[in-house]
Amino acid sequence: MFDRKKSLEEKIGAAVEAEFEGLVAELERDLAEYRRRSRNKEKARITLEEAEAEAQRVHLERVALKKRFWEAYYGNDEAALKKIEPEHRSLTRATRRAEKSLRKARENFGRADFDEAAEGAALKKKAYAAAEKADLRISALEEAVEELLAEKWRSIKELSTALRDEGEGPSFSGTDEVETEHRRSA
C-alpha cells in the first residue's frame, strides 16, 4: 500500500532477526520433533497397555470357559455343553484378535520407544551450545555497533568543530559579503 521508509530500529531489528533465524528455526524444529516423538511414545504405550489388558481379559474368559466346560463334561450336562461350543468359537476369534492387536501394539511401541532421558540431555546440550553461540554473536554485534557509533560520533564531532572553526574565521567587510553573496546567486 504505502511504501514508507523503514526506521533505523526496524532495519536493525530485521538484520538481527536474519542473523539468528537459522539458529532459532533449528532449535524450534528439534523441540517440535522431540515433543512429537514423546507424544507418539505415550500413545503407543497407552495402546500397548490396552492391548495387554484385552489379552489378559480374553485369557481369563478362556480359563473360565474351560472350567465351565469341564464342569459340564463331568456333570453330563448336555445343554451346557451345547452353549459352550459357540462361546468357544467366539472366544477363539477374540483371542486371535487380541493376540494380533497385542503383537502390533508391541511393534508400534518398539518403533516409538526412545530413551527420553538421553535425548533430553542431548537437546539440553544443544540448547546450551546454541545459547553460547548466540551470546558470542550478540557480543560481537554489540562491539561492532559500539565501534561504528563511536567512529561516526568522532567523525561528526571533528566535522562540526572544523565547521565552527571555519565560521569563526576572518570577518568579511560589507563589500566582501555582497561579492560573496553575488557569487552564490550567480
Protein backbone atom coordinates (compact mmCIF):
# COMPACT_ATOMS: atom_id res chain seq x y z
CA MET A 1 0.00 0.00 0.00
CA PHE A 2 2.27 2.79 1.23
CA ASP A 3 5.94 2.25 0.75
CA ARG A 4 7.14 4.06 3.81
CA LYS A 5 10.78 4.16 4.61
CA LYS A 6 11.80 1.78 7.38
CA SER A 7 13.10 3.35 10.53
CA LEU A 8 16.61 2.64 11.72
CA GLU A 9 15.23 0.49 14.56
CA GLU A 10 13.23 -1.61 12.09
CA LYS A 11 16.26 -2.09 9.86
CA ILE A 12 18.44 -3.12 12.79
CA GLY A 13 15.69 -5.42 14.08
CA ALA A 14 15.36 -7.09 10.68
CA ALA A 15 19.13 -7.55 10.43
CA VAL A 16 19.30 -9.12 13.90
CA GLU A 17 16.34 -11.40 13.09
CA ALA A 18 18.03 -12.50 9.88
CA GLU A 19 21.26 -13.17 11.76
CA PHE A 20 19.59 -15.60 14.18
CA GLU A 21 16.66 -17.02 12.20
CA GLY A 22 18.51 -20.20 11.19
CA LEU A 23 19.53 -20.98 14.77
CA VAL A 24 16.05 -20.27 16.10
CA ALA A 25 14.41 -22.37 13.37
CA GLU A 26 16.72 -25.31 14.09
CA LEU A 27 16.00 -25.18 17.84
CA GLU A 28 12.25 -24.93 17.24
CA ARG A 29 12.41 -27.87 14.82
CA ASP A 30 14.35 -30.01 17.31
CA LEU A 31 11.93 -29.17 20.11
CA ALA A 32 8.87 -29.93 17.96
CA GLU A 33 10.41 -33.26 16.87
CA TYR A 34 11.18 -34.25 20.48
CA ARG A 35 7.63 -33.36 21.58
CA ARG A 36 6.13 -35.27 18.63
CA ARG A 37 8.19 -38.37 19.45
CA SER A 38 7.24 -38.12 23.13
CA ARG A 39 3.54 -37.90 22.25
CA ASN A 40 3.85 -40.86 19.86
CA LYS A 41 5.63 -42.90 22.52
CA GLU A 42 2.93 -42.10 25.07
CA LYS A 43 0.16 -43.03 22.62
CA ALA A 44 1.95 -46.28 21.77
CA ARG A 45 2.41 -47.05 25.47
CA ILE A 46 -1.31 -46.49 26.16
CA THR A 47 -2.25 -48.66 23.17
CA LEU A 48 0.10 -51.40 24.39
CA GLU A 49 -1.38 -51.29 27.88
CA GLU A 50 -4.90 -51.52 26.45
CA ALA A 51 -3.92 -54.45 24.22
CA GLU A 52 -2.28 -56.22 27.16
CA ALA A 53 -5.40 -55.65 29.27
CA GLU A 54 -7.62 -57.01 26.48
CA ALA A 55 -5.40 -60.08 26.02
CA GLN A 56 -5.50 -60.69 29.79
CA ARG A 57 -9.30 -60.32 29.85
CA VAL A 58 -9.71 -62.79 26.96
CA HIS A 59 -7.31 -65.21 28.63
CA LEU A 60 -9.32 -65.08 31.87
CA GLU A 61 -12.57 -65.64 29.92
CA ARG A 62 -10.97 -68.62 28.23
CA VAL A 63 -9.88 -70.10 31.56
CA ALA A 64 -13.41 -69.59 32.93
CA LEU A 65 -14.90 -71.22 29.79
CA LYS A 66 -12.59 -74.23 30.15
CA LYS A 67 -13.62 -74.55 33.79
CA ARG A 68 -17.33 -74.46 32.80
CA PHE A 69 -16.62 -76.99 30.02
CA TRP A 70 -15.05 -79.49 32.38
CA GLU A 71 -17.81 -78.98 34.94
CA ALA A 72 -20.45 -79.60 32.27
CA TYR A 73 -18.49 -82.54 30.84
CA TYR A 74 -18.10 -84.31 34.17
CA GLY A 75 -21.64 -83.35 35.19
CA ASN A 76 -23.00 -84.82 31.93
CA ASP A 77 -24.85 -81.55 31.28
CA GLU A 78 -25.57 -81.73 27.51
CA ALA A 79 -27.39 -78.38 27.41
CA ALA A 80 -24.43 -76.55 28.97
CA LEU A 81 -22.01 -78.27 26.58
CA LYS A 82 -24.06 -77.07 23.59
CA LYS A 83 -23.94 -73.47 24.86
CA ILE A 84 -20.19 -73.68 25.41
CA GLU A 85 -19.37 -74.66 21.81
CA PRO A 86 -20.43 -71.31 20.16
CA GLU A 87 -18.85 -69.38 23.02
CA HIS A 88 -15.62 -71.30 22.45
CA ARG A 89 -15.55 -70.36 18.72
CA SER A 90 -16.30 -66.73 19.53
CA LEU A 91 -13.66 -66.69 22.24
CA THR A 92 -11.11 -68.30 19.91
CA ARG A 93 -11.67 -65.48 17.38
CA ALA A 94 -11.43 -62.89 20.16
CA THR A 95 -8.18 -64.48 21.35
CA ARG A 96 -6.66 -64.29 17.86
CA ARG A 97 -7.72 -60.65 17.50
CA ALA A 98 -6.34 -59.80 20.94
CA GLU A 99 -3.01 -61.54 20.21
CA LYS A 100 -2.73 -59.79 16.83
CA SER A 101 -3.56 -56.45 18.42
CA LEU A 102 -1.02 -57.07 21.18
CA ARG A 103 1.67 -58.01 18.64
CA LYS A 104 1.01 -54.83 16.61
CA ALA A 105 0.98 -52.70 19.75
CA ARG A 106 4.35 -54.13 20.82
CA GLU A 107 5.81 -53.45 17.36
CA ASN A 108 4.46 -49.88 17.36
CA PHE A 109 5.79 -49.26 20.84
CA GLY A 110 9.17 -50.68 19.81
CA ARG A 111 9.31 -48.22 16.90
CA ALA A 112 8.11 -45.28 19.01
CA ASP A 113 10.26 -46.07 22.04
CA PHE A 114 13.37 -43.98 22.60
CA ASP A 115 15.48 -43.01 25.57
CA GLU A 116 13.84 -39.75 26.59
CA ALA A 117 16.49 -39.00 29.21
CA ALA A 118 19.35 -39.38 26.73
CA GLU A 119 17.57 -37.42 24.00
CA GLY A 120 16.55 -34.75 26.52
CA ALA A 121 20.16 -34.45 27.68
CA ALA A 122 21.32 -34.15 24.06
CA LEU A 123 18.74 -31.41 23.45
CA LYS A 124 19.85 -29.56 26.58
CA LYS A 125 23.46 -29.78 25.44
CA LYS A 126 22.46 -28.45 22.02
CA ALA A 127 20.43 -25.65 23.64
CA TYR A 128 23.37 -24.61 25.82
CA ALA A 129 25.67 -24.61 22.78
CA ALA A 130 23.15 -22.53 20.81
CA ALA A 131 22.80 -20.07 23.69
CA GLU A 132 26.57 -19.75 23.95
CA LYS A 133 26.86 -19.24 20.19
CA ALA A 134 24.13 -16.58 20.32
CA ASP A 135 25.81 -14.85 23.28
CA LEU A 136 29.12 -14.72 21.41
CA ARG A 137 27.49 -13.43 18.25
CA ILE A 138 25.46 -10.83 20.16
CA SER A 139 28.60 -9.65 21.97
CA ALA A 140 30.40 -9.33 18.63
CA LEU A 141 27.46 -7.41 17.16
CA GLU A 142 27.28 -5.11 20.19
CA GLU A 143 31.00 -4.41 19.92
CA ALA A 144 30.76 -3.72 16.19
CA VAL A 145 27.80 -1.36 16.66
CA GLU A 146 29.55 0.45 19.52
CA GLU A 147 32.70 0.87 17.42
CA LEU A 148 30.69 2.09 14.44
CA LEU A 149 28.73 4.57 16.55
CA ALA A 150 31.89 5.82 18.27
CA GLU A 151 33.60 6.27 14.90
CA LYS A 152 30.62 8.18 13.48
CA TRP A 153 30.40 10.30 16.62
CA ARG A 154 34.12 11.23 16.36
CA SER A 155 33.75 11.98 12.65
CA ILE A 156 30.72 14.23 13.22
CA LYS A 157 32.44 15.92 16.15
CA GLU A 158 35.54 16.62 14.02
CA LEU A 159 33.45 17.97 11.15
CA SER A 160 31.31 20.16 13.41
CA THR A 161 34.46 21.52 15.12
CA ALA A 162 36.02 22.21 11.73
CA LEU A 163 32.83 23.90 10.55
CA ARG A 164 32.65 26.04 13.71
CA ASP A 165 36.30 26.97 13.34
CA GLU A 166 35.68 27.89 9.69
CA GLY A 167 32.74 30.05 10.71
CA GLU A 168 34.88 31.88 13.24
CA GLY A 169 37.48 32.74 10.59
CA PRO A 170 38.32 36.31 9.45
CA SER A 171 35.33 38.59 9.33
CA PHE A 172 34.28 39.96 5.97
CA SER A 173 33.78 43.58 5.08
CA GLY A 174 30.46 44.74 3.65
CA THR A 175 31.70 44.65 0.05
CA ASP A 176 33.18 41.24 0.51
CA GLU A 177 29.84 39.97 1.79
CA VAL A 178 27.97 41.44 -1.18
CA GLU A 179 30.55 39.99 -3.57
CA THR A 180 30.32 36.58 -1.92
CA GLU A 181 26.51 36.71 -1.99
CA HIS A 182 26.64 37.69 -5.66
CA ARG A 183 28.87 34.68 -6.47
CA ARG A 184 26.49 32.32 -4.72
CA SER A 185 23.49 33.60 -6.62
CA ALA A 186 25.30 33.52 -9.97
